Amino acid sequence: MVKYIIAKQLVGRKVITSDGFDVGRFVDAEISEVTGKINNILVEPNMDSSFASRLKAESGQVKIPYASVLAVNDYIVVDRKNIA
């Protein structure tokens, strides 16, 4: 059974890697106008985290491919290997 979550409920949720590194907080999502599918999630990086400070931030936000998202619950868990 598919669980649906309203995007507004995700704003501010903590984003972490599958091995426990703090990336930051969810800000927004980029959605394809043609397909309606999520392409990327936008994260405000936590600059106190050594992992997040190494990520390339465009206009203060990190783009993470939606294919990297492993789980969405209390946290948004992403696969560290697919983040550049």
PDB file of N, CA and C in Angstrom:
ATOM      1  N   MET A   1       0.840  -1.172   0.000  1.00  0.00           N
ATOM      2  CA  MET A   1       0.000   0.000   0.000  1.00  0.00           C
ATOM      3  C   MET A   1       0.895   1.248   0.000  1.00  0.00           C
ATOM      4  N   VAL A   2       0.612   2.162  -0.853  1.00  0.00           N
ATOM      5  CA  VAL A   2       1.390   3.387  -0.990  1.00  0.00           C
ATOM      6  C   VAL A   2       0.910   4.407   0.040  1.00  0.00           C
ATOM      7  N   LYS A   3       1.875   5.032   0.711  1.00  0.00           N
ATOM      8  CA  LYS A   3       1.545   6.072   1.678  1.00  0.00           C
ATOM      9  C   LYS A   3       1.804   7.424   1.034  1.00  0.00           C
ATOM     10  N   TYR A   4       0.829   8.301   1.044  1.00  0.00           N
ATOM     11  CA  TYR A   4       0.974   9.620   0.453  1.00  0.00           C
ATOM     12  C   TYR A   4       1.251  10.641   1.548  1.00  0.00           C
ATOM     13  N   ILE A   5       2.183  11.535   1.259  1.00  0.00           N
ATOM     14  CA  ILE A   5       2.523  12.601   2.196  1.00  0.00           C
ATOM     15  C   ILE A   5       2.409  13.922   1.455  1.00  0.00           C
ATOM     16  N   ILE A   6       1.791  14.888   2.052  1.00  0.00           N
ATOM     17  CA  ILE A   6       1.689  16.211   1.467  1.00  0.00           C
ATOM     18  C   ILE A   6       3.040  16.888   1.611  1.00  0.00           C
ATOM     19  N   ALA A   7       3.532  17.481   0.520  1.00  0.00           N
ATOM     20  CA  ALA A   7       4.865  18.080   0.520  1.00  0.00           C
ATOM     21  C   ALA A   7       5.021  19.125   1.612  1.00  0.00           C
ATOM     22  N   LYS A   8       3.977  19.839   1.921  1.00  0.00           N
ATOM     23  CA  LYS A   8       4.035  20.861   2.964  1.00  0.00           C
ATOM     24  C   LYS A   8       4.425  20.248   4.313  1.00  0.00           C
ATOM     25  N   GLN A   9       4.080  18.985   4.533  1.00  0.00           N
ATOM     26  CA  GLN A   9       4.413  18.305   5.777  1.00  0.00           C
ATOM     27  C   GLN A   9       5.900  17.960   5.855  1.00  0.00           C
ATOM     28  N   LEU A  10       6.587  17.943   4.715  1.00  0.00           N
ATOM     29  CA  LEU A  10       8.001  17.577   4.689  1.00  0.00           C
ATOM     30  C   LEU A  10       8.931  18.745   4.988  1.00  0.00           C
ATOM     31  N   VAL A  11       8.472  19.961   4.743  1.00  0.00           N
ATOM     32  CA  VAL A  11       9.321  21.134   4.917  1.00  0.00           C
ATOM     33  C   VAL A  11       9.844  21.185   6.352  1.00  0.00           C
ATOM     34  N   GLY A  12      11.160  21.300   6.458  1.00  0.00           N
ATOM     35  CA  GLY A  12      11.802  21.373   7.766  1.00  0.00           C
ATOM     36  C   GLY A  12      12.257  20.038   8.315  1.00  0.00           C
ATOM     37  N   ARG A  13      11.872  18.946   7.662  1.00  0.00           N
ATOM     38  CA  ARG A  13      12.320  17.637   8.154  1.00  0.00           C
ATOM     39  C   ARG A  13      13.814  17.476   7.937  1.00  0.00           C
ATOM     40  N   LYS A  14      14.441  16.801   8.850  1.00  0.00           N
ATOM     41  CA  LYS A  14      15.869  16.566   8.794  1.00  0.00           C
ATOM     42  C   LYS A  14      16.190  15.539   7.711  1.00  0.00           C
ATOM     43  N   VAL A  15      17.231  15.799   6.937  1.00  0.00           N
ATOM     44  CA  VAL A  15      17.688  14.878   5.901  1.00  0.00           C
ATOM     45  C   VAL A  15      19.011  14.284   6.381  1.00  0.00           C
ATOM     46  N   ILE A  16      19.060  12.952   6.425  1.00  0.00           N
ATOM     47  CA  ILE A  16      20.283  12.262   6.855  1.00  0.00           C
ATOM     48  C   ILE A  16      20.645  11.190   5.833  1.00  0.00           C
ATOM     49  N   THR A  17      21.920  10.794   5.830  1.00  0.00           N
ATOM     50  CA  THR A  17      22.350   9.716   4.948  1.00  0.00           C
ATOM     51  C   THR A  17      22.049   8.377   5.612  1.00  0.00           C
ATOM     52  N   SER A  18      22.101   7.320   4.831  1.00  0.00           N
ATOM     53  CA  SER A  18      21.813   5.987   5.353  1.00  0.00           C
ATOM     54  C   SER A  18      22.828   5.545   6.398  1.00  0.00           C
ATOM     55  N   ASP A  19      24.014   6.177   6.410  1.00  0.00           N
ATOM     56  CA  ASP A  19      25.006   5.835   7.426  1.00  0.00           C
ATOM     57  C   ASP A  19      25.102   6.879   8.541  1.00  0.00           C
ATOM     58  N   GLY A  20      24.080   7.750   8.640  1.00  0.00           N
ATOM     59  CA  GLY A  20      23.939   8.614   9.797  1.00  0.00           C
ATOM     60  C   GLY A  20      24.486  10.028   9.721  1.00  0.00           C
ATOM     61  N   PHE A  21      25.006  10.464   8.577  1.00  0.00           N
ATOM     62  CA  PHE A  21      25.513  11.831   8.459  1.00  0.00           C
ATOM     63  C   PHE A  21      24.359  12.807   8.270  1.00  0.00           C
ATOM     64  N   ASP A  22      24.428  13.928   8.966  1.00  0.00           N
ATOM     65  CA  ASP A  22      23.417  14.967   8.864  1.00  0.00           C
ATOM     66  C   ASP A  22      23.676  15.791   7.609  1.00  0.00           C
ATOM     67  N   VAL A  23      22.686  15.908   6.740  1.00  0.00           N
ATOM     68  CA  VAL A  23      22.821  16.697   5.517  1.00  0.00           C
ATOM     69  C   VAL A  23      22.223  18.086   5.731  1.00  0.00           C
ATOM     70  N   GLY A  24      21.053  18.160   6.325  1.00  0.00           N
ATOM     71  CA  GLY A  24      20.393  19.441   6.557  1.00  0.00           C
ATOM     72  C   GLY A  24      18.900  19.262   6.672  1.00  0.00           C
ATOM     73  N   ARG A  25      18.150  20.281   6.239  1.00  0.00           N
ATOM     74  CA  ARG A  25      16.692  20.262   6.326  1.00  0.00           C
ATOM     75  C   ARG A  25      16.054  20.400   4.946  1.00  0.00           C
ATOM     76  N   PHE A  26      14.975  19.638   4.728  1.00  0.00           N
ATOM     77  CA  PHE A  26      14.230  19.672   3.472  1.00  0.00           C
ATOM     78  C   PHE A  26      13.593  21.046   3.297  1.00  0.00           C
ATOM     79  N   VAL A  27      13.746  21.617   2.090  1.00  0.00           N
ATOM     80  CA  VAL A  27      13.183  22.933   1.789  1.00  0.00           C
ATOM     81  C   VAL A  27      12.104  22.834   0.719  1.00  0.00           C
ATOM     82  N   ASP A  28      12.398  22.116  -0.384  1.00  0.00           N
ATOM     83  CA  ASP A  28      11.475  22.082  -1.513  1.00  0.00           C
ATOM     84  C   ASP A  28      11.805  20.879  -2.389  1.00  0.00           C
ATOM     85  N   ALA A  29      11.008  20.685  -3.427  1.00  0.00           N
ATOM     86  CA  ALA A  29      11.242  19.609  -4.390  1.00  0.00           C
ATOM     87  C   ALA A  29      11.115  20.173  -5.803  1.00  0.00           C
ATOM     88  N   GLU A  30      11.941  19.649  -6.714  1.00  0.00           N
ATOM     89  CA  GLU A  30      11.826  20.002  -8.131  1.00  0.00           C
ATOM     90  C   GLU A  30      11.011  18.915  -8.805  1.00  0.00           C
ATOM     91  N   ILE A  31       9.932  19.327  -9.456  1.00  0.00           N
ATOM     92  CA  ILE A  31       9.009  18.376 -10.069  1.00  0.00           C
ATOM     93  C   ILE A  31       8.965  18.612 -11.568  1.00  0.00           C
ATOM     94  N   SER A  32       8.992  17.529 -12.341  1.00  0.00           N
ATOM     95  CA  SER A  32       8.917  17.618 -13.797  1.00  0.00           C
ATOM     96  C   SER A  32       7.527  18.083 -14.213  1.00  0.00           C
ATOM     97  N   GLU A  33       7.485  19.103 -15.047  1.00  0.00           N
ATOM     98  CA  GLU A  33       6.201  19.603 -15.530  1.00  0.00           C
ATOM     99  C   GLU A  33       5.529  18.619 -16.479  1.00  0.00           C
ATOM    100  N   VAL A  34       6.329  17.814 -17.149  1.00  0.00           N
ATOM    101  CA  VAL A  34       5.799  16.870 -18.126  1.00  0.00           C
ATOM    102  C   VAL A  34       5.231  15.622 -17.454  1.00  0.00           C
ATOM    103  N   THR A  35       6.025  15.006 -16.573  1.00  0.00           N
ATOM    104  CA  THR A  35       5.617  13.738 -15.962  1.00  0.00           C
ATOM    105  C   THR A  35       4.946  13.896 -14.607  1.00  0.00           C
ATOM    106  N   GLY A  36       5.233  15.006 -13.917  1.00  0.00           N
ATOM    107  CA  GLY A  36       4.695  15.191 -12.575  1.00  0.00           C
ATOM    108  C   GLY A  36       5.479  14.458 -11.510  1.00  0.00           C
ATOM    109  N   LYS A  37       6.608  13.874 -11.880  1.00  0.00           N
ATOM    110  CA  LYS A  37       7.434  13.137 -10.926  1.00  0.00           C
ATOM    111  C   LYS A  37       8.493  14.044 -10.312  1.00  0.00           C
ATOM    112  N   ILE A  38       8.910  13.701  -9.114  1.00  0.00           N
ATOM    113  CA  ILE A  38       9.946  14.468  -8.419  1.00  0.00           C
ATOM    114  C   ILE A  38      11.298  14.140  -9.026  1.00  0.00           C
ATOM    115  N   ASN A  39      12.049  15.168  -9.439  1.00  0.00           N
ATOM    116  CA  ASN A  39      13.401  14.983  -9.972  1.00  0.00           C
ATOM    117  C   ASN A  39      14.453  15.115  -8.888  1.00  0.00           C
ATOM    118  N   ASN A  40      14.356  16.154  -8.069  1.00  0.00           N
ATOM    119  CA  ASN A  40      15.344  16.435  -7.023  1.00  0.00           C
ATOM    120  C   ASN A  40      14.641  16.952  -5.787  1.00  0.00           C
ATOM    121  N   ILE A  41      15.305  16.763  -4.639  1.00  0.00           N
ATOM    122  CA  ILE A  41      14.851  17.453  -3.439  1.00  0.00           C
ATOM    123  C   ILE A  41      15.881  18.523  -3.129  1.00  0.00           C
ATOM    124  N   LEU A  42      15.431  19.632  -2.603  1.00  0.00           N
ATOM    125  CA  LEU A  42      16.307  20.741  -2.254  1.00  0.00           C
ATOM    126  C   LEU A  42      16.453  20.776  -0.738  1.00  0.00           C
ATOM    127  N   VAL A  43      17.702  20.840  -0.303  1.00  0.00           N
ATOM    128  CA  VAL A  43      18.007  20.757   1.118  1.00  0.00           C
ATOM    129  C   VAL A  43      18.841  21.963   1.527  1.00  0.00           C
ATOM    130  N   GLU A  44      18.473  22.568   2.633  1.00  0.00           N
ATOM    131  CA  GLU A  44      19.292  23.628   3.228  1.00  0.00           C
ATOM    132  C   GLU A  44      20.353  22.922   4.066  1.00  0.00           C
ATOM    133  N   PRO A  45      21.636  22.988   3.644  1.00  0.00           N
ATOM    134  CA  PRO A  45      22.665  22.207   4.324  1.00  0.00           C
ATOM    135  C   PRO A  45      22.945  22.695   5.747  1.00  0.00           C
ATOM    136  N   ASN A  46      23.274  21.742   6.593  1.00  0.00           N
ATOM    137  CA  ASN A  46      23.693  22.033   7.961  1.00  0.00           C
ATOM    138  C   ASN A  46      25.201  22.243   7.921  1.00  0.00           C
ATOM    139  N   MET A  47      25.635  23.484   7.991  1.00  0.00           N
ATOM    140  CA  MET A  47      27.062  23.791   7.859  1.00  0.00           C
ATOM    141  C   MET A  47      27.881  23.364   9.069  1.00  0.00           C
ATOM    142  N   ASP A  48      27.225  22.951  10.148  1.00  0.00           N
ATOM    143  CA  ASP A  48      27.947  22.395  11.296  1.00  0.00           C
ATOM    144  C   ASP A  48      28.374  20.954  11.028  1.00  0.00           C
ATOM    145  N   SER A  49      27.768  20.332  10.027  1.00  0.00           N
ATOM    146  CA  SER A  49      28.083  18.956   9.661  1.00  0.00           C
ATOM    147  C   SER A  49      29.256  18.944   8.686  1.00  0.00           C
ATOM    148  N   SER A  50      30.268  18.146   8.992  1.00  0.00           N
ATOM    149  CA  SER A  50      31.435  18.064   8.101  1.00  0.00           C
ATOM    150  C   SER A  50      31.047  17.489   6.746  1.00  0.00           C
ATOM    151  N   PHE A  51      30.075  16.591   6.709  1.00  0.00           N
ATOM    152  CA  PHE A  51      29.626  16.002   5.449  1.00  0.00           C
ATOM    153  C   PHE A  51      28.904  17.038   4.602  1.00  0.00           C
ATOM    154  N   ALA A  52      27.967  17.758   5.194  1.00  0.00           N
ATOM    155  CA  ALA A  52      27.155  18.734   4.451  1.00  0.00           C
ATOM    156  C   ALA A  52      27.992  19.896   3.947  1.00  0.00           C
ATOM    157  N   SER A  53      29.005  20.270   4.684  1.00  0.00           N
ATOM    158  CA  SER A  53      29.821  21.414   4.259  1.00  0.00           C
ATOM    159  C   SER A  53      30.634  21.101   3.009  1.00  0.00           C
ATOM    160  N   ARG A  54      30.821  19.824   2.693  1.00  0.00           N
ATOM    161  CA  ARG A  54      31.552  19.425   1.481  1.00  0.00           C
ATOM    162  C   ARG A  54      30.667  19.350   0.247  1.00  0.00           C
ATOM    163  N   LEU A  55      29.360  19.424   0.420  1.00  0.00           N
ATOM    164  CA  LEU A  55      28.443  19.317  -0.717  1.00  0.00           C
ATOM    165  C   LEU A  55      28.368  20.627  -1.475  1.00  0.00           C
ATOM    166  N   LYS A  56      28.149  20.512  -2.778  1.00  0.00           N
ATOM    167  CA  LYS A  56      28.034  21.687  -3.643  1.00  0.00           C
ATOM    168  C   LYS A  56      26.652  22.308  -3.455  1.00  0.00           C
ATOM    169  N   ALA A  57      26.633  23.525  -2.941  1.00  0.00           N
ATOM    170  CA  ALA A  57      25.368  24.218  -2.694  1.00  0.00           C
ATOM    171  C   ALA A  57      25.177  25.319  -3.728  1.00  0.00           C
ATOM    172  N   GLU A  58      24.073  25.229  -4.467  1.00  0.00           N
ATOM    173  CA  GLU A  58      23.708  26.267  -5.438  1.00  0.00           C
ATOM    174  C   GLU A  58      22.687  27.176  -4.773  1.00  0.00           C
ATOM    175  N   SER A  59      22.972  28.441  -4.727  1.00  0.00           N
ATOM    176  CA  SER A  59      22.117  29.452  -4.087  1.00  0.00           C
ATOM    177  C   SER A  59      21.718  29.042  -2.667  1.00  0.00           C
ATOM    178  N   GLY A  60      22.680  28.458  -1.954  1.00  0.00           N
ATOM    179  CA  GLY A  60      22.452  28.112  -0.554  1.00  0.00           C
ATOM    180  C   GLY A  60      21.729  26.799  -0.327  1.00  0.00           C
ATOM    181  N   GLN A  61      21.408  26.060  -1.396  1.00  0.00           N
ATOM    182  CA  GLN A  61      20.695  24.792  -1.261  1.00  0.00           C
ATOM    183  C   GLN A  61      21.430  23.676  -1.991  1.00  0.00           C
ATOM    184  N   VAL A  62      21.307  22.478  -1.463  1.00  0.00           N
ATOM    185  CA  VAL A  62      21.910  21.291  -2.074  1.00  0.00           C
ATOM    186  C   VAL A  62      20.814  20.540  -2.819  1.00  0.00           C
ATOM    187  N   LYS A  63      21.114  20.157  -4.074  1.00  0.00           N
ATOM    188  CA  LYS A  63      20.176  19.353  -4.872  1.00  0.00           C
ATOM    189  C   LYS A  63      20.547  17.887  -4.688  1.00  0.00           C
ATOM    190  N   ILE A  64      19.572  17.100  -4.286  1.00  0.00           N
ATOM    191  CA  ILE A  64      19.779  15.661  -4.136  1.00  0.00           C
ATOM    192  C   ILE A  64      18.806  14.957  -5.067  1.00  0.00           C
ATOM    193  N   PRO A  65      19.312  14.085  -5.955  1.00  0.00           N
ATOM    194  CA  PRO A  65      18.412  13.367  -6.864  1.00  0.00           C
ATOM    195  C   PRO A  65      17.379  12.542  -6.086  1.00  0.00           C
ATOM    196  N   TYR A  66      16.145  12.575  -6.538  1.00  0.00           N
ATOM    197  CA  TYR A  66      15.094  11.843  -5.840  1.00  0.00           C
ATOM    198  C   TYR A  66      15.377  10.343  -5.816  1.00  0.00           C
ATOM    199  N   ALA A  67      16.113   9.848  -6.789  1.00  0.00           N
ATOM    200  CA  ALA A  67      16.464   8.425  -6.816  1.00  0.00           C
ATOM    201  C   ALA A  67      17.300   8.026  -5.599  1.00  0.00           C
ATOM    202  N   SER A  68      17.920   9.001  -4.941  1.00  0.00           N
ATOM    203  CA  SER A  68      18.739   8.736  -3.760  1.00  0.00           C
ATOM    204  C   SER A  68      17.910   8.598  -2.488  1.00  0.00           C
ATOM    205  N   VAL A  69      16.651   9.012  -2.520  1.00  0.00           N
ATOM    206  CA  VAL A  69      15.802   8.956  -1.327  1.00  0.00           C
ATOM    207  C   VAL A  69      15.433   7.503  -1.050  1.00  0.00           C
ATOM    208  N   LEU A  70      15.785   7.044   0.151  1.00  0.00           N
ATOM    209  CA  LEU A  70      15.508   5.660   0.544  1.00  0.00           C
ATOM    210  C   LEU A  70      14.248   5.543   1.388  1.00  0.00           C
ATOM    211  N   ALA A  71      14.001   6.539   2.250  1.00  0.00           N
ATOM    212  CA  ALA A  71      12.847   6.469   3.146  1.00  0.00           C
ATOM    213  C   ALA A  71      12.432   7.865   3.575  1.00  0.00           C
ATOM    214  N   VAL A  72      11.126   8.003   3.826  1.00  0.00           N
ATOM    215  CA  VAL A  72      10.582   9.253   4.343  1.00  0.00           C
ATOM    216  C   VAL A  72       9.687   8.888   5.521  1.00  0.00           C
ATOM    217  N   ASN A  73      10.096   9.346   6.683  1.00  0.00           N
ATOM    218  CA  ASN A  73       9.315   9.118   7.890  1.00  0.00           C
ATOM    219  C   ASN A  73       9.567  10.297   8.810  1.00  0.00           C
ATOM    220  N   ASP A  74      10.077  10.082  10.002  1.00  0.00           N
ATOM    221  CA  ASP A  74      10.445  11.196  10.870  1.00  0.00           C
ATOM    222  C   ASP A  74      11.617  11.965  10.263  1.00  0.00           C
ATOM    223  N   TYR A  75      12.457  11.248   9.528  1.00  0.00           N
ATOM    224  CA  TYR A  75      13.596  11.817   8.803  1.00  0.00           C
ATOM    225  C   TYR A  75      13.459  11.447   7.335  1.00  0.00           C
ATOM    226  N   ILE A  76      14.170  12.175   6.479  1.00  0.00           N
ATOM    227  CA  ILE A  76      14.283  11.781   5.088  1.00  0.00           C
ATOM    228  C   ILE A  76      15.655  11.154   4.953  1.00  0.00           C
ATOM    229  N   VAL A  77      15.695   9.872   4.618  1.00  0.00           N
ATOM    230  CA  VAL A  77      16.956   9.132   4.535  1.00  0.00           C
ATOM    231  C   VAL A  77      17.362   9.023   3.078  1.00  0.00           C
ATOM    232  N   VAL A  78      18.619   9.412   2.783  1.00  0.00           N
ATOM    233  CA  VAL A  78      19.139   9.375   1.424  1.00  0.00           C
ATOM    234  C   VAL A  78      20.374   8.498   1.367  1.00  0.00           C
ATOM    235  N   ASP A  79      20.634   7.950   0.176  1.00  0.00           N
ATOM    236  CA  ASP A  79      21.811   7.116  -0.061  1.00  0.00           C
ATOM    237  C   ASP A  79      23.012   8.023  -0.296  1.00  0.00           C
ATOM    238  N   ARG A  80      24.006   7.932   0.535  1.00  0.00           N
ATOM    239  CA  ARG A  80      25.177   8.801   0.477  1.00  0.00           C
ATOM    240  C   ARG A  80      25.966   8.625  -0.829  1.00  0.00           C
ATOM    241  N   LYS A  81      25.957   7.433  -1.391  1.00  0.00           N
ATOM    242  CA  LYS A  81      26.747   7.150  -2.606  1.00  0.00           C
ATOM    243  C   LYS A  81      26.260   7.935  -3.822  1.00  0.00           C
ATOM    244  N   ASN A  82      24.985   8.302  -3.837  1.00  0.00           N
ATOM    245  CA  ASN A  82      24.425   8.989  -5.003  1.00  0.00           C
ATOM    246  C   ASN A  82      24.405  10.508  -4.864  1.00  0.00           C
ATOM    247  N   ILE A  83      25.014  11.026  -3.812  1.00  0.00           N
ATOM    248  CA  ILE A  83      25.058  12.469  -3.613  1.00  0.00           C
ATOM    249  C   ILE A  83      26.444  12.957  -3.978  1.00  0.00           C
ATOM    250  N   ALA A  84      26.516  14.014  -4.793  1.00  0.00           N
ATOM    251  CA  ALA A  84      27.824  14.541  -5.185  1.00  0.00           C
ATOM    252  C   ALA A  84      28.147  15.798  -4.430  1.00  0.00           C
TER     253      ALA A  84
END
